[in-house]
Amino acid sequence: MDGDQLRNGIFALRTRRFGSVAECMVKRLLNCSQARNLFHDLYDDAQHHRIEVKFSVVQKKSEQTVTEKTVLRCIEEATAENRMVAFSDWKQHEFDCNIQQVKRTEFDVLYYGLFFSECIKIFRIESRNIKENVRGGGIHYSDFQHKGNEGEGQFHINPNTFKIHLDHYHYKTLTYDGLYQLLAAES
C-alpha cells in the first residue's frame, strides 16, 4: 500500500470506521493509551488528560442536489465524482466540515482535523478554550446541536473559518506516506 491507496481508502470509509482510523493516528502520534471510560477516546498518561478525537474529510460541495427527480443520478455519480479538496486549493472550493457531538465536560483536550487530498491538518485545543470566541481566535462553537442534548455542541470548518484554526490551533501536518509509516510501525 502506498500513500495514495491509503488516502483513497480513508476517503471511502464511513462514520465509525473513519473515526477509528483518526483515533489510531492520534494514539500513535501522542503515544497515549486507551480511554478511561466511554465518554472520551484516548488518555494521555503523562499529562493526565482525557482526549477526544474528531476528524472530517474535506470534499467539494456536490454540484447536484438530491431530490426525487435527481436521486438516482446523484447515487450513480457519487462513485465517479472525485470531490477531494487539496489543501493548496482550499480557498477555491466550497466545503463544510462539521465537528459534532463535542461534549466539552467529558475531555480535557480535543485533537481534531481535516483530511485533504494530499495531507492531513491536525489541530489541538483545550476543552476550556472551545467556547471562547476570542476575536480572531474563536472557533465559532455552538453548544446547541440537537434539541434536548445539553452539554453537546458543534463547530463548522469551512472556507470562512479555516484560517482561524490554522492560525491558532494547528498542531501538525502529516502526508499520507507519513501516516502510512506511523500506522504501519510496530507499537
N, C-alpha and C. Protein backbone atom coordinates (compact mmCIF):
# COMPACT_ATOMS: atom_id res chain seq x y z
N MET A 1 0.84 -1.18 0.00
CA MET A 1 0.00 0.00 0.00
C MET A 1 0.89 1.24 0.00
N ASP A 2 0.50 2.23 -0.78
CA ASP A 2 1.23 3.49 -0.78
C ASP A 2 0.31 4.59 -0.24
N GLY A 3 0.83 5.82 -0.20
CA GLY A 3 0.07 6.93 0.35
C GLY A 3 -1.23 7.21 -0.38
N ASP A 4 -1.23 7.10 -1.71
CA ASP A 4 -2.46 7.35 -2.48
C ASP A 4 -3.52 6.30 -2.18
N GLN A 5 -3.13 5.05 -2.09
CA GLN A 5 -4.08 3.99 -1.77
C GLN A 5 -4.64 4.18 -0.36
N LEU A 6 -3.78 4.58 0.56
CA LEU A 6 -4.22 4.84 1.93
C LEU A 6 -5.24 5.97 1.95
N ARG A 7 -4.93 7.07 1.28
CA ARG A 7 -5.85 8.21 1.21
C ARG A 7 -7.19 7.80 0.60
N ASN A 8 -7.17 7.09 -0.51
CA ASN A 8 -8.41 6.69 -1.17
C ASN A 8 -9.24 5.79 -0.27
N GLY A 9 -8.59 4.93 0.47
CA GLY A 9 -9.31 4.07 1.41
C GLY A 9 -9.92 4.87 2.54
N ILE A 10 -9.18 5.84 3.07
CA ILE A 10 -9.70 6.67 4.15
C ILE A 10 -10.91 7.48 3.68
N PHE A 11 -10.84 8.05 2.49
CA PHE A 11 -11.96 8.82 1.96
C PHE A 11 -13.18 7.94 1.70
N ALA A 12 -12.98 6.63 1.51
CA ALA A 12 -14.09 5.71 1.27
C ALA A 12 -14.73 5.21 2.56
N LEU A 13 -14.04 5.34 3.68
CA LEU A 13 -14.58 4.88 4.96
C LEU A 13 -15.75 5.76 5.39
N ARG A 14 -16.61 5.21 6.19
CA ARG A 14 -17.74 5.96 6.70
C ARG A 14 -17.78 5.94 8.22
N THR A 15 -18.26 6.96 8.77
CA THR A 15 -18.62 7.18 10.16
C THR A 15 -17.67 6.55 11.18
N ARG A 16 -18.09 5.50 11.85
CA ARG A 16 -17.32 4.93 12.97
C ARG A 16 -15.97 4.40 12.52
N ARG A 17 -15.90 3.76 11.37
CA ARG A 17 -14.62 3.22 10.89
C ARG A 17 -13.64 4.36 10.60
N PHE A 18 -14.13 5.43 10.01
CA PHE A 18 -13.29 6.60 9.76
C PHE A 18 -12.81 7.18 11.10
N GLY A 19 -13.70 7.29 12.07
CA GLY A 19 -13.33 7.81 13.38
C GLY A 19 -12.28 6.95 14.05
N SER A 20 -12.37 5.64 13.87
CA SER A 20 -11.38 4.73 14.46
C SER A 20 -10.00 4.93 13.84
N VAL A 21 -9.94 5.21 12.55
CA VAL A 21 -8.66 5.49 11.89
C VAL A 21 -8.04 6.75 12.49
N ALA A 22 -8.84 7.81 12.66
CA ALA A 22 -8.34 9.05 13.26
C ALA A 22 -7.85 8.81 14.69
N GLU A 23 -8.57 8.01 15.44
CA GLU A 23 -8.15 7.70 16.81
C GLU A 23 -6.81 6.95 16.82
N CYS A 24 -6.65 5.98 15.92
CA CYS A 24 -5.38 5.25 15.83
C CYS A 24 -4.23 6.20 15.49
N MET A 25 -4.49 7.13 14.56
CA MET A 25 -3.47 8.10 14.16
C MET A 25 -3.05 8.95 15.36
N VAL A 26 -4.00 9.51 16.08
CA VAL A 26 -3.68 10.37 17.22
C VAL A 26 -3.02 9.56 18.33
N LYS A 27 -3.49 8.36 18.56
CA LYS A 27 -2.89 7.50 19.59
C LYS A 27 -1.41 7.26 19.30
N ARG A 28 -1.09 6.98 18.04
CA ARG A 28 0.31 6.76 17.66
C ARG A 28 1.11 8.05 17.73
N LEU A 29 0.54 9.16 17.28
CA LEU A 29 1.26 10.44 17.32
C LEU A 29 1.64 10.84 18.74
N LEU A 30 0.72 10.65 19.67
CA LEU A 30 0.92 11.10 21.04
C LEU A 30 1.48 10.02 21.96
N ASN A 31 1.50 8.79 21.46
CA ASN A 31 1.91 7.66 22.29
C ASN A 31 1.07 7.61 23.57
N CYS A 32 -0.24 7.69 23.39
CA CYS A 32 -1.14 7.68 24.55
C CYS A 32 -1.86 6.33 24.64
N SER A 33 -2.70 6.20 25.63
CA SER A 33 -3.35 4.92 25.89
C SER A 33 -4.85 4.99 25.63
N GLN A 34 -5.49 3.85 25.83
CA GLN A 34 -6.93 3.76 25.64
C GLN A 34 -7.65 4.67 26.63
N ALA A 35 -8.89 4.98 26.31
CA ALA A 35 -9.72 5.83 27.16
C ALA A 35 -9.96 5.18 28.52
N ARG A 36 -10.22 6.01 29.50
CA ARG A 36 -10.54 5.54 30.84
C ARG A 36 -12.02 5.19 31.00
N ASN A 37 -12.87 5.73 30.09
CA ASN A 37 -14.30 5.40 30.10
C ASN A 37 -14.86 5.60 28.69
N LEU A 38 -16.15 5.46 28.54
CA LEU A 38 -16.80 5.55 27.23
C LEU A 38 -17.03 6.98 26.74
N PHE A 39 -16.70 7.98 27.56
CA PHE A 39 -17.06 9.36 27.23
C PHE A 39 -15.94 10.17 26.60
N HIS A 40 -14.78 9.57 26.41
CA HIS A 40 -13.69 10.19 25.65
C HIS A 40 -12.98 9.07 24.89
N ASP A 41 -12.05 9.45 23.99
CA ASP A 41 -11.47 8.47 23.08
C ASP A 41 -10.14 7.89 23.54
N LEU A 42 -9.26 8.71 24.09
CA LEU A 42 -7.91 8.29 24.47
C LEU A 42 -7.52 8.93 25.79
N TYR A 43 -6.36 8.52 26.32
CA TYR A 43 -5.89 9.10 27.57
C TYR A 43 -4.39 9.33 27.50
N ASP A 44 -3.97 10.52 27.89
CA ASP A 44 -2.55 10.88 27.94
C ASP A 44 -2.07 10.64 29.37
N ASP A 45 -1.33 9.55 29.58
CA ASP A 45 -0.87 9.19 30.92
C ASP A 45 0.13 10.20 31.47
N ALA A 46 0.95 10.78 30.62
CA ALA A 46 1.97 11.73 31.09
C ALA A 46 1.33 13.04 31.57
N GLN A 47 0.35 13.54 30.82
CA GLN A 47 -0.30 14.81 31.16
C GLN A 47 -1.58 14.63 31.97
N HIS A 48 -2.03 13.38 32.09
CA HIS A 48 -3.30 13.07 32.78
C HIS A 48 -4.46 13.81 32.13
N HIS A 49 -4.51 13.72 30.80
CA HIS A 49 -5.55 14.37 30.02
C HIS A 49 -6.46 13.33 29.37
N ARG A 50 -7.75 13.60 29.44
CA ARG A 50 -8.72 12.84 28.65
C ARG A 50 -8.73 13.49 27.26
N ILE A 51 -8.63 12.66 26.25
CA ILE A 51 -8.50 13.17 24.87
C ILE A 51 -9.72 12.76 24.05
N GLU A 52 -10.24 13.72 23.31
CA GLU A 52 -11.31 13.46 22.35
C GLU A 52 -10.72 13.67 20.95
N VAL A 53 -11.19 12.87 19.98
CA VAL A 53 -10.67 12.91 18.61
C VAL A 53 -11.84 13.09 17.65
N LYS A 54 -11.77 14.12 16.81
CA LYS A 54 -12.82 14.41 15.83
C LYS A 54 -12.16 14.86 14.52
N PHE A 55 -12.44 14.15 13.44
CA PHE A 55 -11.86 14.49 12.14
C PHE A 55 -12.92 14.42 11.06
N SER A 56 -12.61 15.03 9.93
CA SER A 56 -13.50 15.04 8.78
C SER A 56 -12.68 15.01 7.50
N VAL A 57 -13.24 14.47 6.44
CA VAL A 57 -12.60 14.58 5.13
C VAL A 57 -13.11 15.85 4.48
N VAL A 58 -12.25 16.50 3.70
CA VAL A 58 -12.63 17.74 3.02
C VAL A 58 -13.01 17.40 1.59
N GLN A 59 -14.26 17.69 1.28
CA GLN A 59 -14.77 17.42 -0.07
C GLN A 59 -15.51 18.64 -0.59
N LYS A 60 -15.38 18.85 -1.89
CA LYS A 60 -16.13 19.93 -2.54
C LYS A 60 -17.62 19.66 -2.39
N LYS A 61 -18.36 20.73 -2.34
CA LYS A 61 -19.81 20.60 -2.31
C LYS A 61 -20.27 19.92 -3.60
N SER A 62 -21.21 19.01 -3.48
CA SER A 62 -21.75 18.34 -4.68
C SER A 62 -22.43 19.35 -5.58
N GLU A 63 -22.27 19.15 -6.87
CA GLU A 63 -22.88 20.07 -7.82
C GLU A 63 -24.38 19.86 -7.92
N GLN A 64 -24.82 18.62 -7.74
CA GLN A 64 -26.23 18.26 -7.90
C GLN A 64 -26.86 18.02 -6.52
N THR A 65 -27.96 18.67 -6.26
CA THR A 65 -28.71 18.45 -5.02
C THR A 65 -29.57 17.20 -5.19
N VAL A 66 -29.68 16.40 -4.14
CA VAL A 66 -30.52 15.21 -4.19
C VAL A 66 -31.98 15.62 -4.03
N THR A 67 -32.76 15.29 -5.02
CA THR A 67 -34.21 15.50 -4.99
C THR A 67 -34.85 14.21 -5.49
N GLU A 68 -36.16 14.15 -5.48
CA GLU A 68 -36.83 12.96 -6.00
C GLU A 68 -36.49 12.74 -7.47
N LYS A 69 -36.30 13.83 -8.21
CA LYS A 69 -36.00 13.70 -9.64
C LYS A 69 -34.54 13.34 -9.91
N THR A 70 -33.62 13.74 -9.00
CA THR A 70 -32.19 13.53 -9.26
C THR A 70 -31.57 12.41 -8.43
N VAL A 71 -32.33 11.78 -7.56
CA VAL A 71 -31.76 10.84 -6.60
C VAL A 71 -30.94 9.72 -7.26
N LEU A 72 -31.45 9.10 -8.29
CA LEU A 72 -30.71 8.01 -8.92
C LEU A 72 -29.45 8.50 -9.62
N ARG A 73 -29.54 9.64 -10.29
CA ARG A 73 -28.37 10.21 -10.95
C ARG A 73 -27.29 10.57 -9.91
N CYS A 74 -27.69 11.14 -8.77
CA CYS A 74 -26.74 11.51 -7.72
C CYS A 74 -26.04 10.27 -7.16
N ILE A 75 -26.78 9.21 -6.97
CA ILE A 75 -26.19 7.97 -6.48
C ILE A 75 -25.20 7.41 -7.49
N GLU A 76 -25.58 7.41 -8.75
CA GLU A 76 -24.72 6.89 -9.82
C GLU A 76 -23.44 7.71 -9.95
N GLU A 77 -23.55 9.02 -9.84
CA GLU A 77 -22.39 9.89 -9.99
C GLU A 77 -21.50 9.92 -8.75
N ALA A 78 -22.00 9.47 -7.62
CA ALA A 78 -21.25 9.55 -6.37
C ALA A 78 -19.93 8.79 -6.43
N THR A 79 -19.89 7.64 -7.08
CA THR A 79 -18.66 6.87 -7.15
C THR A 79 -17.71 7.37 -8.23
N ALA A 80 -18.23 8.04 -9.23
CA ALA A 80 -17.38 8.53 -10.32
C ALA A 80 -16.81 9.91 -10.03
N GLU A 81 -17.45 10.65 -9.17
CA GLU A 81 -17.06 12.03 -8.90
C GLU A 81 -15.96 12.10 -7.84
N ASN A 82 -14.84 12.73 -8.19
CA ASN A 82 -13.77 12.95 -7.21
C ASN A 82 -13.97 14.33 -6.62
N ARG A 83 -14.39 14.37 -5.35
CA ARG A 83 -14.67 15.64 -4.70
C ARG A 83 -13.61 16.03 -3.70
N MET A 84 -12.48 15.30 -3.64
CA MET A 84 -11.43 15.64 -2.68
C MET A 84 -10.90 17.05 -2.95
N VAL A 85 -10.57 17.74 -1.88
CA VAL A 85 -10.01 19.09 -1.97
C VAL A 85 -8.55 19.04 -1.54
N ALA A 86 -7.69 19.67 -2.31
CA ALA A 86 -6.28 19.79 -1.95
C ALA A 86 -6.12 20.95 -0.97
N PHE A 87 -5.26 20.77 0.02
CA PHE A 87 -5.00 21.85 0.96
C PHE A 87 -4.56 23.11 0.21
N SER A 88 -3.73 22.94 -0.79
CA SER A 88 -3.23 24.09 -1.54
C SER A 88 -4.34 24.86 -2.26
N ASP A 89 -5.51 24.25 -2.43
CA ASP A 89 -6.63 24.89 -3.13
C ASP A 89 -7.83 25.17 -2.23
N TRP A 90 -7.67 25.09 -0.92
CA TRP A 90 -8.84 25.17 -0.04
C TRP A 90 -9.63 26.46 -0.20
N LYS A 91 -8.97 27.55 -0.58
CA LYS A 91 -9.68 28.83 -0.71
C LYS A 91 -10.57 28.87 -1.96
N GLN A 92 -10.33 27.97 -2.90
CA GLN A 92 -11.08 27.98 -4.15
C GLN A 92 -12.33 27.09 -4.15
N HIS A 93 -12.60 26.42 -3.05
CA HIS A 93 -13.71 25.45 -3.05
C HIS A 93 -14.65 25.67 -1.88
N GLU A 94 -15.91 25.36 -2.12
CA GLU A 94 -16.90 25.36 -1.04
C GLU A 94 -16.84 24.00 -0.36
N PHE A 95 -16.70 24.00 0.96
CA PHE A 95 -16.76 22.78 1.75
C PHE A 95 -17.25 23.14 3.14
N ASP A 96 -17.76 22.16 3.82
CA ASP A 96 -18.24 22.38 5.18
C ASP A 96 -18.02 21.11 5.98
N CYS A 97 -17.08 21.17 6.90
CA CYS A 97 -16.76 20.03 7.76
C CYS A 97 -17.33 20.30 9.14
N ASN A 98 -18.25 19.46 9.56
CA ASN A 98 -18.93 19.64 10.83
C ASN A 98 -18.27 18.77 11.89
N ILE A 99 -17.68 19.42 12.88
CA ILE A 99 -17.11 18.72 14.03
C ILE A 99 -18.20 18.72 15.08
N GLN A 100 -18.81 17.55 15.27
CA GLN A 100 -20.02 17.50 16.08
C GLN A 100 -19.92 16.53 17.24
N GLN A 101 -20.96 16.53 18.04
CA GLN A 101 -21.04 15.73 19.26
C GLN A 101 -19.86 16.02 20.19
N VAL A 102 -19.57 17.32 20.32
CA VAL A 102 -18.48 17.77 21.19
C VAL A 102 -19.06 17.97 22.59
N LYS A 103 -18.63 17.13 23.50
CA LYS A 103 -19.10 17.18 24.89
C LYS A 103 -17.94 17.68 25.75
N ARG A 104 -17.82 18.99 25.89
CA ARG A 104 -16.66 19.63 26.49
C ARG A 104 -16.35 19.17 27.91
N THR A 105 -17.33 18.77 28.68
CA THR A 105 -17.06 18.35 30.06
C THR A 105 -16.47 16.94 30.14
N GLU A 106 -16.47 16.21 29.05
CA GLU A 106 -16.02 14.81 29.05
C GLU A 106 -14.56 14.63 28.63
N PHE A 107 -13.87 15.71 28.26
CA PHE A 107 -12.47 15.60 27.87
C PHE A 107 -11.72 16.87 28.25
N ASP A 108 -10.40 16.75 28.25
CA ASP A 108 -9.53 17.89 28.56
C ASP A 108 -8.96 18.54 27.30
N VAL A 109 -8.66 17.71 26.30
CA VAL A 109 -8.04 18.19 25.06
C VAL A 109 -8.75 17.56 23.87
N LEU A 110 -9.01 18.38 22.87
CA LEU A 110 -9.61 17.91 21.62
C LEU A 110 -8.55 17.96 20.53
N TYR A 111 -8.29 16.83 19.90
CA TYR A 111 -7.50 16.78 18.67
C TYR A 111 -8.50 16.60 17.55
N TYR A 112 -8.49 17.52 16.62
CA TYR A 112 -9.44 17.48 15.53
C TYR A 112 -8.69 17.82 14.25
N GLY A 113 -9.29 17.54 13.13
CA GLY A 113 -8.58 17.85 11.91
C GLY A 113 -9.31 17.53 10.65
N LEU A 114 -8.60 17.78 9.56
CA LEU A 114 -9.15 17.64 8.23
C LEU A 114 -8.23 16.82 7.35
N PHE A 115 -8.82 15.86 6.67
CA PHE A 115 -8.11 15.06 5.68
C PHE A 115 -8.32 15.73 4.32
N PHE A 116 -7.25 16.33 3.79
CA PHE A 116 -7.26 16.90 2.44
C PHE A 116 -6.73 15.84 1.47
N SER A 117 -6.70 16.14 0.19
CA SER A 117 -6.26 15.14 -0.78
C SER A 117 -4.78 14.82 -0.67
N GLU A 118 -3.95 15.76 -0.19
CA GLU A 118 -2.51 15.50 -0.16
C GLU A 118 -1.91 15.52 1.25
N CYS A 119 -2.71 15.88 2.26
CA CYS A 119 -2.18 15.93 3.62
C CYS A 119 -3.31 15.93 4.64
N ILE A 120 -2.92 15.77 5.87
CA ILE A 120 -3.86 15.82 6.99
C ILE A 120 -3.43 16.97 7.88
N LYS A 121 -4.33 17.89 8.16
CA LYS A 121 -4.08 19.00 9.06
C LYS A 121 -4.68 18.63 10.42
N ILE A 122 -3.85 18.63 11.44
CA ILE A 122 -4.26 18.24 12.78
C ILE A 122 -4.21 19.47 13.68
N PHE A 123 -5.26 19.65 14.46
CA PHE A 123 -5.39 20.79 15.35
C PHE A 123 -5.56 20.29 16.78
N ARG A 124 -5.21 21.16 17.74
CA ARG A 124 -5.31 20.83 19.16
C ARG A 124 -5.89 22.04 19.89
N ILE A 125 -6.91 21.79 20.71
CA ILE A 125 -7.49 22.85 21.52
C ILE A 125 -7.92 22.24 22.86
N GLU A 126 -7.71 22.99 23.91
CA GLU A 126 -8.13 22.54 25.23
C GLU A 126 -9.63 22.78 25.38
N SER A 127 -10.28 21.89 26.10
CA SER A 127 -11.72 21.96 26.27
C SER A 127 -12.17 23.33 26.78
N ARG A 128 -11.45 23.87 27.74
CA ARG A 128 -11.86 25.15 28.34
C ARG A 128 -11.80 26.31 27.34
N ASN A 129 -11.05 26.15 26.24
CA ASN A 129 -10.93 27.22 25.25
C ASN A 129 -11.90 27.09 24.08
N ILE A 130 -12.63 26.00 24.01
CA ILE A 130 -13.51 25.75 22.86
C ILE A 130 -14.62 26.79 22.76
N LYS A 131 -15.22 27.12 23.86
CA LYS A 131 -16.38 28.01 23.82
C LYS A 131 -16.00 29.47 23.67
N GLU A 132 -14.75 29.81 23.96
CA GLU A 132 -14.32 31.19 23.83
C GLU A 132 -14.34 31.61 22.37
N ASN A 133 -14.91 32.73 22.10
CA ASN A 133 -14.88 33.27 20.74
C ASN A 133 -14.03 34.53 20.74
N VAL A 134 -12.77 34.33 21.12
CA VAL A 134 -11.81 35.41 21.16
C VAL A 134 -11.67 35.99 19.76
N ARG A 135 -11.61 37.31 19.69
CA ARG A 135 -11.52 37.96 18.38
C ARG A 135 -10.36 37.39 17.56
N GLY A 136 -10.71 36.85 16.41
CA GLY A 136 -9.72 36.26 15.52
C GLY A 136 -9.28 34.87 15.93
N GLY A 137 -9.67 34.39 17.10
CA GLY A 137 -9.21 33.09 17.54
C GLY A 137 -10.31 32.12 17.92
N GLY A 138 -11.55 32.57 17.93
CA GLY A 138 -12.65 31.69 18.28
C GLY A 138 -13.01 30.74 17.16
N ILE A 139 -13.48 29.57 17.53
CA ILE A 139 -13.80 28.56 16.51
C ILE A 139 -15.28 28.54 16.17
N HIS A 140 -16.05 29.47 16.71
CA HIS A 140 -17.49 29.58 16.43
C HIS A 140 -18.24 28.34 16.89
N TYR A 141 -17.92 27.91 18.09
CA TYR A 141 -18.57 26.75 18.70
C TYR A 141 -19.99 27.10 19.11
N SER A 142 -20.89 26.20 18.83
CA SER A 142 -22.28 26.33 19.27
C SER A 142 -22.55 25.20 20.26
N ASP A 143 -23.03 25.54 21.44
CA ASP A 143 -23.30 24.49 22.42
C ASP A 143 -24.70 23.91 22.25
N PHE A 144 -25.28 24.16 21.10
CA PHE A 144 -26.58 23.58 20.77
C PHE A 144 -26.44 22.78 19.49
N GLN A 145 -26.70 21.48 19.58
CA GLN A 145 -26.63 20.66 18.38
C GLN A 145 -27.99 20.06 18.05
N HIS A 146 -28.60 19.43 19.02
CA HIS A 146 -29.92 18.83 18.82
C HIS A 146 -30.79 19.19 20.02
N LYS A 147 -32.05 19.32 19.80
CA LYS A 147 -32.97 19.64 20.87
C LYS A 147 -32.84 18.60 21.99
N GLY A 148 -32.64 19.09 23.20
CA GLY A 148 -32.55 18.21 24.35
C GLY A 148 -31.16 17.67 24.65
N ASN A 149 -30.20 17.90 23.78
CA ASN A 149 -28.83 17.42 24.02
C ASN A 149 -28.03 18.50 24.75
N GLU A 150 -28.22 18.57 26.04
CA GLU A 150 -27.49 19.56 26.83
C GLU A 150 -26.04 19.12 26.98
N GLY A 151 -25.13 20.10 26.91
CA GLY A 151 -23.72 19.80 27.07
C GLY A 151 -23.05 19.24 25.84
N GLU A 152 -23.74 19.25 24.73
CA GLU A 152 -23.18 18.73 23.48
C GLU A 152 -23.29 19.80 22.41
N GLY A 153 -22.19 20.04 21.69
CA GLY A 153 -22.20 21.09 20.68
C GLY A 153 -21.43 20.71 19.44
N GLN A 154 -21.17 21.73 18.64
CA GLN A 154 -20.51 21.51 17.36
C GLN A 154 -19.88 22.81 16.86
N PHE A 155 -18.99 22.66 15.88
CA PHE A 155 -18.49 23.80 15.14
C PHE A 155 -18.20 23.35 13.73
N HIS A 156 -18.23 24.30 12.82
CA HIS A 156 -18.02 24.02 11.40
C HIS A 156 -16.67 24.58 10.97
N ILE A 157 -16.00 23.82 10.14
CA ILE A 157 -14.78 24.32 9.50
C ILE A 157 -15.10 24.43 8.02
N ASN A 158 -14.98 25.63 7.51
CA ASN A 158 -15.29 25.91 6.11
C ASN A 158 -14.34 27.02 5.64
N PRO A 159 -14.44 27.44 4.40
CA PRO A 159 -13.51 28.48 3.93
C PRO A 159 -13.55 29.78 4.75
N ASN A 160 -14.67 30.06 5.42
CA ASN A 160 -14.76 31.28 6.22
C ASN A 160 -14.10 31.15 7.58
N THR A 161 -13.98 29.94 8.12
CA THR A 161 -13.44 29.74 9.47
C THR A 161 -12.10 29.03 9.51
N PHE A 162 -11.68 28.45 8.40
CA PHE A 162 -10.50 27.57 8.40
C PHE A 162 -9.23 28.30 8.84
N LYS A 163 -9.05 29.54 8.43
CA LYS A 163 -7.83 30.28 8.77
C LYS A 163 -7.68 30.44 10.29
N ILE A 164 -8.77 30.59 11.01
CA ILE A 164 -8.72 30.68 12.48
C ILE A 164 -8.05 29.43 13.05
N HIS A 165 -8.44 28.27 12.54
CA HIS A 165 -7.87 27.01 13.01
C HIS A 165 -6.39 26.92 12.66
N LEU A 166 -6.05 27.31 11.45
CA LEU A 166 -4.64 27.28 11.03
C LEU A 166 -3.79 28.23 11.88
N ASP A 167 -4.29 29.42 12.12
CA ASP A 167 -3.51 30.43 12.83
C ASP A 167 -3.37 30.17 14.33
N HIS A 168 -4.38 29.56 14.95
CA HIS A 168 -4.41 29.47 16.40
C HIS A 168 -4.31 28.06 16.98
N TYR A 169 -4.67 27.04 16.22
CA TYR A 169 -4.77 25.71 16.81
C TYR A 169 -4.04 24.61 16.04
N HIS A 170 -3.30 24.99 15.00
CA HIS A 170 -2.59 23.98 14.21
C HIS A 170 -1.57 23.26 15.07
N TYR A 171 -1.60 21.94 15.02
CA TYR A 171 -0.70 21.10 15.81
C TYR A 171 0.34 20.42 14.93
N LYS A 172 -0.10 19.84 13.82
CA LYS A 172 0.82 19.06 12.98
C LYS A 172 0.19 18.83 11.62
N THR A 173 1.04 18.66 10.61
CA THR A 173 0.61 18.27 9.28
C THR A 173 1.27 16.95 8.94
N LEU A 174 0.49 16.01 8.45
CA LEU A 174 1.02 14.71 8.02
C LEU A 174 0.73 14.51 6.54
N THR A 175 1.66 13.90 5.83
CA THR A 175 1.37 13.43 4.48
C THR A 175 0.76 12.03 4.62
N TYR A 176 0.23 11.51 3.55
CA TYR A 176 -0.33 10.16 3.61
C TYR A 176 0.79 9.12 3.69
N ASP A 177 1.95 9.39 3.09
CA ASP A 177 3.09 8.49 3.27
C ASP A 177 3.53 8.49 4.74
N GLY A 178 3.54 9.66 5.36
CA GLY A 178 3.87 9.75 6.78
C GLY A 178 2.85 9.05 7.65
N LEU A 179 1.58 9.16 7.31
CA LEU A 179 0.54 8.46 8.05
C LEU A 179 0.70 6.96 7.90
N TYR A 180 1.01 6.52 6.69
CA TYR A 180 1.21 5.09 6.48
C TYR A 180 2.35 4.57 7.35
N GLN A 181 3.46 5.29 7.36
CA GLN A 181 4.61 4.88 8.20
C GLN A 181 4.22 4.85 9.68
N LEU A 182 3.46 5.84 10.12
CA LEU A 182 3.02 5.90 11.51
C LEU A 182 2.13 4.70 11.86
N LEU A 183 1.19 4.38 10.99
CA LEU A 183 0.26 3.29 11.27
C LEU A 183 0.89 1.91 11.09
N ALA A 184 1.87 1.81 10.19
CA ALA A 184 2.50 0.52 9.93
C ALA A 184 3.59 0.19 10.94
N ALA A 185 4.09 1.18 11.67
CA ALA A 185 5.17 0.97 12.64
C ALA A 185 4.70 0.05 13.76
N GLU A 186 5.60 -0.75 14.25
CA GLU A 186 5.29 -1.64 15.38
C GLU A 186 5.06 -0.79 16.63
N SER A 187 4.09 -1.19 17.40
CA SER A 187 3.79 -0.46 18.65
C SER A 187 4.83 -0.74 19.71
